Amino acid sequence: MTILITGATGNIGSQVIQHLVNRGADVRALVRDPSQANFPAGVAVAKGDFLDIDSMRAAFDGISTLFLLNAVVPDEFTQALIALNVARSAGIDRIVYLSVIHADVYVNVPHFAGKFAVERMIEQMGMAATILRPAYFIQNDLTIKDVVAGHGVYPMPVGDRGLAMIDVRDIAEIAALELMRREQAAQPLPLTRINLVGPETLAGTDIAAIWSDVLGRPINYGGGDTAAFEQNLKQFMPAWMAYDMRMMGERFLTDGMLPEGGDVERLTTLLGRPLRSYRAFASEAAASA
């Protein structure tokens, strides 16, 4: 019995692999370029691309459980549908899919809408899957750490509704636990959705206050201008992606990214420990600067 990990070389995928290896699982990693793969001993490597159907069929052969993680790219939706169709044809009936929280609410945000459509496919085709719905990744803020420290401003458009930010290390560990639960079950388990959230819901001013404490100097929140946010992002990402991120930021401002009742308790029980906090992340980031 083998677990296939897509997005294997990324931050989350690579950590999922390590957790699975630590638990004695048989793991296969899907990668585009095997020469760039650097995995723990015993991890099999399958060369493949989501849009190369023959390579996907070969990679999925002999797989019992699938971890599906699709990057935010223009054809993300197509890639996910292909992967799930190939998995279904291969008889894979144990799936963990990494979606996003509020995918059914942020309907005008391209990558949210795409993930919700993938969720609908999973549900309507009766696939036995866990749909993980993470909130904003805490580690996204590594990209603006220098802005915070150098200019005294926290620039992300978090707003005052608040985001239940989650550490990617917690996401990876929860994903591994769900993969093992499905892999080891005597029969395929029914569809379930799990919101992945952090231990607290933070507004933009809350996050600025945390950085002020950690850095020992005033940090102001300045993330309300989504047009400026888009223009800044266009300096280091494609225009379509910067626009997608702007649309997401606008929904942060109007809707927030809030947990449901019992989410934090469910995850704490699952992990057997507290969820990692934003303050702990900020302290680590400041110490490594």
C-alpha atoms as a PDB file:
ATOM      1  CA  MET A   1       0.000   0.000   0.000  1.00  0.00           C
ATOM      2  CA  THR A   2       1.534   3.269  -1.188  1.00  0.00           C
ATOM      3  CA  ILE A   3       0.666   6.928  -0.596  1.00  0.00           C
ATOM      4  CA  LEU A   4       1.288   9.305  -3.514  1.00  0.00           C
ATOM      5  CA  ILE A   5       2.162  12.908  -2.688  1.00  0.00           C
ATOM      6  CA  THR A   6       1.645  15.645  -5.267  1.00  0.00           C
ATOM      7  CA  GLY A   7       3.222  19.052  -4.725  1.00  0.00           C
ATOM      8  CA  ALA A   8       5.980  16.954  -3.210  1.00  0.00           C
ATOM      9  CA  THR A   9       8.849  19.435  -3.456  1.00  0.00           C
ATOM     10  CA  GLY A  10       6.877  22.346  -1.996  1.00  0.00           C
ATOM     11  CA  ASN A  11       6.842  23.560   1.572  1.00  0.00           C
ATOM     12  CA  ILE A  12       3.784  21.571   2.609  1.00  0.00           C
ATOM     13  CA  GLY A  13       4.322  18.487   0.436  1.00  0.00           C
ATOM     14  CA  SER A  14       7.883  17.948   1.581  1.00  0.00           C
ATOM     15  CA  GLN A  15       6.827  18.154   5.230  1.00  0.00           C
ATOM     16  CA  VAL A  16       3.938  15.749   4.641  1.00  0.00           C
ATOM     17  CA  ILE A  17       6.424  13.273   3.190  1.00  0.00           C
ATOM     18  CA  GLN A  18       8.693  13.548   6.225  1.00  0.00           C
ATOM     19  CA  HIS A  19       5.781  12.975   8.617  1.00  0.00           C
ATOM     20  CA  LEU A  20       4.676   9.920   6.641  1.00  0.00           C
ATOM     21  CA  VAL A  21       8.189   8.458   6.535  1.00  0.00           C
ATOM     22  CA  ASN A  22       8.472   8.989  10.286  1.00  0.00           C
ATOM     23  CA  ARG A  23       5.292   6.935  10.651  1.00  0.00           C
ATOM     24  CA  GLY A  24       6.611   4.106   8.503  1.00  0.00           C
ATOM     25  CA  ALA A  25       4.447   4.734   5.431  1.00  0.00           C
ATOM     26  CA  ASP A  26       5.359   3.647   1.911  1.00  0.00           C
ATOM     27  CA  VAL A  27       5.573   6.944   0.007  1.00  0.00           C
ATOM     28  CA  ARG A  28       5.833   7.903  -3.656  1.00  0.00           C
ATOM     29  CA  ALA A  29       6.496  11.524  -4.645  1.00  0.00           C
ATOM     30  CA  LEU A  30       5.260  13.020  -7.926  1.00  0.00           C
ATOM     31  CA  VAL A  31       7.785  15.494  -9.342  1.00  0.00           C
ATOM     32  CA  ARG A  32       8.355  17.173 -12.695  1.00  0.00           C
ATOM     33  CA  ASP A  33      12.141  16.959 -12.457  1.00  0.00           C
ATOM     34  CA  PRO A  34      13.545  13.990 -10.479  1.00  0.00           C
ATOM     35  CA  SER A  35      17.013  15.577 -10.489  1.00  0.00           C
ATOM     36  CA  GLN A  36      15.661  18.276  -8.163  1.00  0.00           C
ATOM     37  CA  ALA A  37      14.126  15.787  -5.739  1.00  0.00           C
ATOM     38  CA  ASN A  38      15.658  15.536  -2.287  1.00  0.00           C
ATOM     39  CA  PHE A  39      13.562  13.213  -0.160  1.00  0.00           C
ATOM     40  CA  PRO A  40      14.202  10.939   2.825  1.00  0.00           C
ATOM     41  CA  ALA A  41      15.596   7.490   2.139  1.00  0.00           C
ATOM     42  CA  GLY A  42      13.021   5.030   0.889  1.00  0.00           C
ATOM     43  CA  VAL A  43      10.758   7.553  -0.848  1.00  0.00           C
ATOM     44  CA  ALA A  44      10.075   6.497  -4.441  1.00  0.00           C
ATOM     45  CA  VAL A  45      10.093   9.218  -7.096  1.00  0.00           C
ATOM     46  CA  ALA A  46       7.666   9.299 -10.024  1.00  0.00           C
ATOM     47  CA  LYS A  47       8.304  11.743 -12.858  1.00  0.00           C
ATOM     48  CA  GLY A  48       5.099  13.331 -14.028  1.00  0.00           C
ATOM     49  CA  ASP A  49       3.100  16.423 -14.816  1.00  0.00           C
ATOM     50  CA  PHE A  50      -0.603  16.993 -14.212  1.00  0.00           C
ATOM     51  CA  LEU A  51      -1.158  17.764 -17.902  1.00  0.00           C
ATOM     52  CA  ASP A  52       0.799  14.727 -19.134  1.00  0.00           C
ATOM     53  CA  ILE A  53      -1.882  12.050 -18.859  1.00  0.00           C
ATOM     54  CA  ASP A  54       0.369   9.079 -19.583  1.00  0.00           C
ATOM     55  CA  SER A  55       2.837  10.161 -16.892  1.00  0.00           C
ATOM     56  CA  MET A  56      -0.015  10.558 -14.419  1.00  0.00           C
ATOM     57  CA  ARG A  57      -1.347   7.084 -15.185  1.00  0.00           C
ATOM     58  CA  ALA A  58       2.104   5.633 -14.584  1.00  0.00           C
ATOM     59  CA  ALA A  59       2.579   7.595 -11.350  1.00  0.00           C
ATOM     60  CA  PHE A  60      -0.831   6.521 -10.019  1.00  0.00           C
ATOM     61  CA  ASP A  61      -0.325   2.846 -10.795  1.00  0.00           C
ATOM     62  CA  GLY A  62      -0.257   0.776  -7.594  1.00  0.00           C
ATOM     63  CA  ILE A  63      -1.265   3.716  -5.378  1.00  0.00           C
ATOM     64  CA  SER A  64      -3.702   3.196  -2.514  1.00  0.00           C
ATOM     65  CA  THR A  65      -3.984   6.759  -1.140  1.00  0.00           C
ATOM     66  CA  LEU A  66      -3.567  10.169  -2.817  1.00  0.00           C
ATOM     67  CA  PHE A  67      -2.596  13.551  -1.411  1.00  0.00           C
ATOM     68  CA  LEU A  68      -3.693  16.137  -3.965  1.00  0.00           C
ATOM     69  CA  LEU A  69      -2.124  19.563  -3.726  1.00  0.00           C
ATOM     70  CA  ASN A  70      -2.340  21.885  -6.735  1.00  0.00           C
ATOM     71  CA  ALA A  71      -0.343  25.076  -6.990  1.00  0.00           C
ATOM     72  CA  VAL A  72      -2.056  28.381  -7.774  1.00  0.00           C
ATOM     73  CA  VAL A  73      -1.512  28.436 -11.540  1.00  0.00           C
ATOM     74  CA  PRO A  74      -3.792  29.481 -14.435  1.00  0.00           C
ATOM     75  CA  ASP A  75      -4.859  25.891 -15.152  1.00  0.00           C
ATOM     76  CA  GLU A  76      -5.076  24.709 -11.533  1.00  0.00           C
ATOM     77  CA  PHE A  77      -8.694  23.585 -11.965  1.00  0.00           C
ATOM     78  CA  THR A  78      -7.914  21.482 -15.043  1.00  0.00           C
ATOM     79  CA  GLN A  79      -4.913  19.902 -13.312  1.00  0.00           C
ATOM     80  CA  ALA A  80      -7.017  18.902 -10.306  1.00  0.00           C
ATOM     81  CA  LEU A  81      -9.811  17.388 -12.401  1.00  0.00           C
ATOM     82  CA  ILE A  82      -7.318  15.371 -14.431  1.00  0.00           C
ATOM     83  CA  ALA A  83      -5.642  14.073 -11.285  1.00  0.00           C
ATOM     84  CA  LEU A  84      -8.949  13.020  -9.724  1.00  0.00           C
ATOM     85  CA  ASN A  85     -10.201  11.383 -12.909  1.00  0.00           C
ATOM     86  CA  VAL A  86      -6.963   9.436 -13.308  1.00  0.00           C
ATOM     87  CA  ALA A  87      -7.102   8.450  -9.632  1.00  0.00           C
ATOM     88  CA  ARG A  88     -10.680   7.237 -10.053  1.00  0.00           C
ATOM     89  CA  SER A  89      -9.758   5.193 -13.124  1.00  0.00           C
ATOM     90  CA  ALA A  90      -6.841   3.691 -11.179  1.00  0.00           C
ATOM     91  CA  GLY A  91      -9.200   2.591  -8.404  1.00  0.00           C
ATOM     92  CA  ILE A  92      -7.796   4.975  -5.788  1.00  0.00           C
ATOM     93  CA  ASP A  93     -10.550   5.483  -3.218  1.00  0.00           C
ATOM     94  CA  ARG A  94      -8.611   7.116  -0.385  1.00  0.00           C
ATOM     95  CA  ILE A  95      -7.949  10.810  -1.048  1.00  0.00           C
ATOM     96  CA  VAL A  96      -6.891  13.880   0.904  1.00  0.00           C
ATOM     97  CA  TYR A  97      -7.422  17.109  -1.057  1.00  0.00           C
ATOM     98  CA  LEU A  98      -5.963  20.462   0.014  1.00  0.00           C
ATOM     99  CA  SER A  99      -8.644  23.050  -0.698  1.00  0.00           C
ATOM    100  CA  VAL A 100      -9.124  26.385   1.096  1.00  0.00           C
ATOM    101  CA  ILE A 101     -11.432  27.661   3.817  1.00  0.00           C
ATOM    102  CA  HIS A 102     -14.545  29.560   2.655  1.00  0.00           C
ATOM    103  CA  ALA A 103     -14.114  28.297  -0.907  1.00  0.00           C
ATOM    104  CA  ASP A 104     -17.906  28.424  -1.165  1.00  0.00           C
ATOM    105  CA  VAL A 105     -17.980  32.052   0.037  1.00  0.00           C
ATOM    106  CA  TYR A 106     -15.083  33.687  -1.839  1.00  0.00           C
ATOM    107  CA  VAL A 107     -16.823  32.847  -5.135  1.00  0.00           C
ATOM    108  CA  ASN A 108     -15.243  35.703  -7.132  1.00  0.00           C
ATOM    109  CA  VAL A 109     -11.669  34.796  -6.197  1.00  0.00           C
ATOM    110  CA  PRO A 110     -10.312  32.629  -9.036  1.00  0.00           C
ATOM    111  CA  HIS A 111      -8.297  30.073  -7.079  1.00  0.00           C
ATOM    112  CA  PHE A 112     -10.972  29.776  -4.381  1.00  0.00           C
ATOM    113  CA  ALA A 113     -13.702  29.219  -6.980  1.00  0.00           C
ATOM    114  CA  GLY A 114     -11.575  26.585  -8.707  1.00  0.00           C
ATOM    115  CA  LYS A 115     -10.997  24.677  -5.481  1.00  0.00           C
ATOM    116  CA  PHE A 116     -14.697  24.764  -4.646  1.00  0.00           C
ATOM    117  CA  ALA A 117     -15.480  23.291  -8.062  1.00  0.00           C
ATOM    118  CA  VAL A 118     -13.008  20.493  -7.319  1.00  0.00           C
ATOM    119  CA  GLU A 119     -14.785  19.910  -4.004  1.00  0.00           C
ATOM    120  CA  ARG A 120     -18.075  19.596  -5.896  1.00  0.00           C
ATOM    121  CA  MET A 121     -16.563  16.983  -8.200  1.00  0.00           C
ATOM    122  CA  ILE A 122     -15.325  14.966  -5.219  1.00  0.00           C
ATOM    123  CA  GLU A 123     -18.729  15.133  -3.567  1.00  0.00           C
ATOM    124  CA  GLN A 124     -20.924  14.530  -6.606  1.00  0.00           C
ATOM    125  CA  MET A 125     -18.839  11.607  -7.851  1.00  0.00           C
ATOM    126  CA  GLY A 126     -18.972   9.946  -4.450  1.00  0.00           C
ATOM    127  CA  MET A 127     -15.241   9.970  -3.833  1.00  0.00           C
ATOM    128  CA  ALA A 128     -14.017   8.846  -0.402  1.00  0.00           C
ATOM    129  CA  ALA A 129     -11.979  11.873   0.611  1.00  0.00           C
ATOM    130  CA  THR A 130     -10.934  14.285   3.307  1.00  0.00           C
ATOM    131  CA  ILE A 131     -11.159  17.876   2.097  1.00  0.00           C
ATOM    132  CA  LEU A 132      -8.759  20.003   4.104  1.00  0.00           C
ATOM    133  CA  ARG A 133      -9.716  23.677   4.090  1.00  0.00           C
ATOM    134  CA  PRO A 134      -6.829  25.774   5.414  1.00  0.00           C
ATOM    135  CA  ALA A 135      -7.095  29.427   6.284  1.00  0.00           C
ATOM    136  CA  TYR A 136      -4.354  31.935   5.429  1.00  0.00           C
ATOM    137  CA  PHE A 137      -0.876  30.436   5.773  1.00  0.00           C
ATOM    138  CA  ILE A 138       1.116  32.187   8.486  1.00  0.00           C
ATOM    139  CA  GLN A 139       4.308  31.626   6.491  1.00  0.00           C
ATOM    140  CA  ASN A 140       2.945  33.811   3.678  1.00  0.00           C
ATOM    141  CA  ASP A 141       4.118  36.673   5.859  1.00  0.00           C
ATOM    142  CA  LEU A 142       7.745  35.716   5.369  1.00  0.00           C
ATOM    143  CA  THR A 143       7.441  37.559   2.052  1.00  0.00           C
ATOM    144  CA  ILE A 144       6.747  40.873   3.822  1.00  0.00           C
ATOM    145  CA  LYS A 145       9.003  40.417   6.851  1.00  0.00           C
ATOM    146  CA  ASP A 146      11.538  42.926   5.509  1.00  0.00           C
ATOM    147  CA  VAL A 147       8.793  45.490   4.872  1.00  0.00           C
ATOM    148  CA  VAL A 148       7.612  45.146   8.455  1.00  0.00           C
ATOM    149  CA  ALA A 149      11.114  45.409   9.901  1.00  0.00           C
ATOM    150  CA  GLY A 150      12.430  48.029   7.469  1.00  0.00           C
ATOM    151  CA  HIS A 151       9.436  50.338   7.078  1.00  0.00           C
ATOM    152  CA  GLY A 152       7.458  49.794  10.271  1.00  0.00           C
ATOM    153  CA  VAL A 153       4.299  48.766   8.428  1.00  0.00           C
ATOM    154  CA  TYR A 154       2.365  45.509   8.254  1.00  0.00           C
ATOM    155  CA  PRO A 155       1.016  45.726   4.677  1.00  0.00           C
ATOM    156  CA  MET A 156      -1.200  42.648   4.200  1.00  0.00           C
ATOM    157  CA  PRO A 157      -4.919  43.483   3.647  1.00  0.00           C
ATOM    158  CA  VAL A 158      -6.158  41.570   6.693  1.00  0.00           C
ATOM    159  CA  GLY A 159      -8.796  44.092   7.749  1.00  0.00           C
ATOM    160  CA  ASP A 160     -10.727  44.138  10.994  1.00  0.00           C
ATOM    161  CA  ARG A 161     -12.898  41.020  10.564  1.00  0.00           C
ATOM    162  CA  GLY A 162      -9.820  38.901  11.225  1.00  0.00           C
ATOM    163  CA  LEU A 163      -8.099  35.829   9.800  1.00  0.00           C
ATOM    164  CA  ALA A 164      -7.646  32.509  11.617  1.00  0.00           C
ATOM    165  CA  MET A 165      -4.086  32.136  10.306  1.00  0.00           C
ATOM    166  CA  ILE A 166      -2.502  28.673  10.487  1.00  0.00           C
ATOM    167  CA  ASP A 167       1.131  27.569  10.513  1.00  0.00           C
ATOM    168  CA  VAL A 168       2.045  25.439   7.485  1.00  0.00           C
ATOM    169  CA  ARG A 169       3.776  22.983   9.809  1.00  0.00           C
ATOM    170  CA  ASP A 170       0.430  22.263  11.415  1.00  0.00           C
ATOM    171  CA  ILE A 171      -1.193  21.882   7.987  1.00  0.00           C
ATOM    172  CA  ALA A 172       1.418  19.326   6.944  1.00  0.00           C
ATOM    173  CA  GLU A 173       1.121  17.295  10.120  1.00  0.00           C
ATOM    174  CA  ILE A 174      -2.678  17.223   9.983  1.00  0.00           C
ATOM    175  CA  ALA A 175      -2.536  16.185   6.324  1.00  0.00           C
ATOM    176  CA  ALA A 176      -0.176  13.328   7.180  1.00  0.00           C
ATOM    177  CA  LEU A 177      -2.425  12.178  10.016  1.00  0.00           C
ATOM    178  CA  GLU A 178      -5.448  12.146   7.697  1.00  0.00           C
ATOM    179  CA  LEU A 179      -3.513  10.266   5.017  1.00  0.00           C
ATOM    180  CA  MET A 180      -2.509   7.629   7.548  1.00  0.00           C
ATOM    181  CA  ARG A 181      -6.068   7.397   8.888  1.00  0.00           C
ATOM    182  CA  ARG A 182      -7.441   6.728   5.424  1.00  0.00           C
ATOM    183  CA  GLU A 183      -4.572   4.461   4.412  1.00  0.00           C
ATOM    184  CA  GLN A 184      -4.954   2.255   7.471  1.00  0.00           C
ATOM    185  CA  ALA A 185      -8.762   2.054   7.461  1.00  0.00           C
ATOM    186  CA  ALA A 186     -10.217  -1.362   6.642  1.00  0.00           C
ATOM    187  CA  GLN A 187     -12.635   0.254   4.187  1.00  0.00           C
ATOM    188  CA  PRO A 188     -12.670   3.629   2.390  1.00  0.00           C
ATOM    189  CA  LEU A 189     -13.901   6.291   4.790  1.00  0.00           C
ATOM    190  CA  PRO A 190     -16.780   8.669   4.018  1.00  0.00           C
ATOM    191  CA  LEU A 191     -16.305  12.218   2.774  1.00  0.00           C
ATOM    192  CA  THR A 192     -15.345  14.726   5.450  1.00  0.00           C
ATOM    193  CA  ARG A 193     -14.281  18.364   5.492  1.00  0.00           C
ATOM    194  CA  ILE A 194     -11.897  19.831   8.053  1.00  0.00           C
ATOM    195  CA  ASN A 195     -11.275  23.549   8.486  1.00  0.00           C
ATOM    196  CA  LEU A 196      -7.601  24.164   9.218  1.00  0.00           C
ATOM    197  CA  VAL A 197      -7.280  27.255  11.389  1.00  0.00           C
ATOM    198  CA  GLY A 198      -4.900  28.756  13.891  1.00  0.00           C
ATOM    199  CA  PRO A 199      -5.501  29.151  17.623  1.00  0.00           C
ATOM    200  CA  GLU A 200      -6.767  32.737  17.335  1.00  0.00           C
ATOM    201  CA  THR A 201      -8.432  35.064  14.835  1.00  0.00           C
ATOM    202  CA  LEU A 202      -6.348  38.181  14.256  1.00  0.00           C
ATOM    203  CA  ALA A 203      -7.212  41.545  12.722  1.00  0.00           C
ATOM    204  CA  GLY A 204      -4.590  43.634  10.937  1.00  0.00           C
ATOM    205  CA  THR A 205      -4.055  45.825  13.999  1.00  0.00           C
ATOM    206  CA  ASP A 206      -3.608  42.718  16.164  1.00  0.00           C
ATOM    207  CA  ILE A 207      -0.844  41.453  13.899  1.00  0.00           C
ATOM    208  CA  ALA A 208       0.844  44.854  13.838  1.00  0.00           C
ATOM    209  CA  ALA A 209       0.754  44.866  17.646  1.00  0.00           C
ATOM    210  CA  ILE A 210       2.406  41.430  17.759  1.00  0.00           C
ATOM    211  CA  TRP A 211       5.192  42.651  15.477  1.00  0.00           C
ATOM    212  CA  SER A 212       5.571  45.765  17.650  1.00  0.00           C
ATOM    213  CA  ASP A 213       6.106  43.566  20.713  1.00  0.00           C
ATOM    214  CA  VAL A 214       8.474  41.195  18.933  1.00  0.00           C
ATOM    215  CA  LEU A 215      10.587  43.905  17.301  1.00  0.00           C
ATOM    216  CA  GLY A 216      10.453  46.329  20.215  1.00  0.00           C
ATOM    217  CA  ARG A 217       9.324  49.298  18.138  1.00  0.00           C
ATOM    218  CA  PRO A 218       6.011  50.578  16.745  1.00  0.00           C
ATOM    219  CA  ILE A 219       4.642  48.737  13.726  1.00  0.00           C
ATOM    220  CA  ASN A 220       1.519  50.160  12.097  1.00  0.00           C
ATOM    221  CA  TYR A 221      -1.149  48.354  10.111  1.00  0.00           C
ATOM    222  CA  GLY A 222      -1.364  49.707   6.553  1.00  0.00           C
ATOM    223  CA  GLY A 223      -3.141  47.016   4.580  1.00  0.00           C
ATOM    224  CA  GLY A 224      -6.448  48.598   3.594  1.00  0.00           C
ATOM    225  CA  ASP A 225      -5.510  49.653   0.040  1.00  0.00           C
ATOM    226  CA  THR A 226      -6.028  46.585  -2.161  1.00  0.00           C
ATOM    227  CA  ALA A 227      -5.194  48.484  -5.359  1.00  0.00           C
ATOM    228  CA  ALA A 228      -1.754  49.314  -3.989  1.00  0.00           C
ATOM    229  CA  PHE A 229      -1.456  45.730  -2.772  1.00  0.00           C
ATOM    230  CA  GLU A 230      -2.043  44.473  -6.323  1.00  0.00           C
ATOM    231  CA  GLN A 231       0.515  46.886  -7.796  1.00  0.00           C
ATOM    232  CA  ASN A 232       3.150  45.824  -5.280  1.00  0.00           C
ATOM    233  CA  LEU A 233       2.533  42.143  -5.995  1.00  0.00           C
ATOM    234  CA  LYS A 234       2.933  42.719  -9.748  1.00  0.00           C
ATOM    235  CA  GLN A 235       6.598  43.498  -9.122  1.00  0.00           C
ATOM    236  CA  PHE A 236       7.355  39.838  -8.379  1.00  0.00           C
ATOM    237  CA  MET A 237       4.432  37.748  -9.699  1.00  0.00           C
ATOM    238  CA  PRO A 238       2.349  37.588 -12.886  1.00  0.00           C
ATOM    239  CA  ALA A 239      -0.404  40.174 -13.247  1.00  0.00           C
ATOM    240  CA  TRP A 240      -3.159  37.531 -13.207  1.00  0.00           C
ATOM    241  CA  MET A 241      -1.893  36.185  -9.873  1.00  0.00           C
ATOM    242  CA  ALA A 242      -1.554  39.660  -8.360  1.00  0.00           C
ATOM    243  CA  TYR A 243      -5.173  40.330  -9.342  1.00  0.00           C
ATOM    244  CA  ASP A 244      -6.264  37.001  -7.839  1.00  0.00           C
ATOM    245  CA  MET A 245      -4.511  37.945  -4.582  1.00  0.00           C
ATOM    246  CA  ARG A 246      -6.187  41.370  -4.641  1.00  0.00           C
ATOM    247  CA  MET A 247      -9.607  39.748  -4.967  1.00  0.00           C
ATOM    248  CA  MET A 248      -8.737  37.531  -2.008  1.00  0.00           C
ATOM    249  CA  GLY A 249      -7.639  40.563   0.000  1.00  0.00           C
ATOM    250  CA  GLU A 250     -10.904  42.329  -0.713  1.00  0.00           C
ATOM    251  CA  ARG A 251     -12.804  39.337   0.694  1.00  0.00           C
ATOM    252  CA  PHE A 252     -10.535  39.430   3.741  1.00  0.00           C
ATOM    253  CA  LEU A 253     -11.751  42.985   4.318  1.00  0.00           C
ATOM    254  CA  THR A 254     -15.463  42.268   3.813  1.00  0.00           C
ATOM    255  CA  ASP A 255     -15.807  38.720   5.168  1.00  0.00           C
ATOM    256  CA  GLY A 256     -12.701  37.827   7.128  1.00  0.00           C
ATOM    257  CA  MET A 257     -11.518  34.221   7.366  1.00  0.00           C
ATOM    258  CA  LEU A 258     -13.222  32.912  10.458  1.00  0.00           C
ATOM    259  CA  PRO A 259     -13.295  29.486  12.107  1.00  0.00           C
ATOM    260  CA  GLU A 260     -16.469  27.600  12.838  1.00  0.00           C
ATOM    261  CA  GLY A 261     -17.395  26.498  16.338  1.00  0.00           C
ATOM    262  CA  GLY A 262     -15.215  23.639  17.516  1.00  0.00           C
ATOM    263  CA  ASP A 263     -12.562  23.959  14.793  1.00  0.00           C
ATOM    264  CA  VAL A 264      -9.706  24.833  17.145  1.00  0.00           C
ATOM    265  CA  GLU A 265     -10.654  22.132  19.626  1.00  0.00           C
ATOM    266  CA  ARG A 266     -10.928  19.513  16.866  1.00  0.00           C
ATOM    267  CA  LEU A 267      -7.459  20.295  15.535  1.00  0.00           C
ATOM    268  CA  THR A 268      -5.894  20.461  18.983  1.00  0.00           C
ATOM    269  CA  THR A 269      -7.299  17.026  19.745  1.00  0.00           C
ATOM    270  CA  LEU A 270      -6.122  15.677  16.399  1.00  0.00           C
ATOM    271  CA  LEU A 271      -2.573  16.938  16.920  1.00  0.00           C
ATOM    272  CA  GLY A 272      -2.448  16.172  20.632  1.00  0.00           C
ATOM    273  CA  ARG A 273      -0.934  19.602  21.275  1.00  0.00           C
ATOM    274  CA  PRO A 274      -1.777  23.299  20.883  1.00  0.00           C
ATOM    275  CA  LEU A 275      -1.757  24.873  17.438  1.00  0.00           C
ATOM    276  CA  ARG A 276       1.203  27.112  16.665  1.00  0.00           C
ATOM    277  CA  SER A 277       0.519  30.807  17.152  1.00  0.00           C
ATOM    278  CA  TYR A 278       1.284  33.833  14.996  1.00  0.00           C
ATOM    279  CA  ARG A 279       3.326  35.301  17.852  1.00  0.00           C
ATOM    280  CA  ALA A 280       5.552  32.218  17.875  1.00  0.00           C
ATOM    281  CA  PHE A 281       6.052  32.568  14.113  1.00  0.00           C
ATOM    282  CA  ALA A 282       6.895  36.276  14.382  1.00  0.00           C
ATOM    283  CA  SER A 283       9.385  35.609  17.160  1.00  0.00           C
ATOM    284  CA  GLU A 284      11.088  32.911  15.090  1.00  0.00           C
ATOM    285  CA  ALA A 285      11.146  35.120  11.993  1.00  0.00           C
ATOM    286  CA  ALA A 286      12.638  38.051  13.911  1.00  0.00           C
ATOM    287  CA  ALA A 287      15.271  35.834  15.497  1.00  0.00           C
ATOM    288  CA  SER A 288      16.376  34.488  12.119  1.00  0.00           C
ATOM    289  CA  ALA A 289      16.639  37.913  10.499  1.00  0.00           C
END
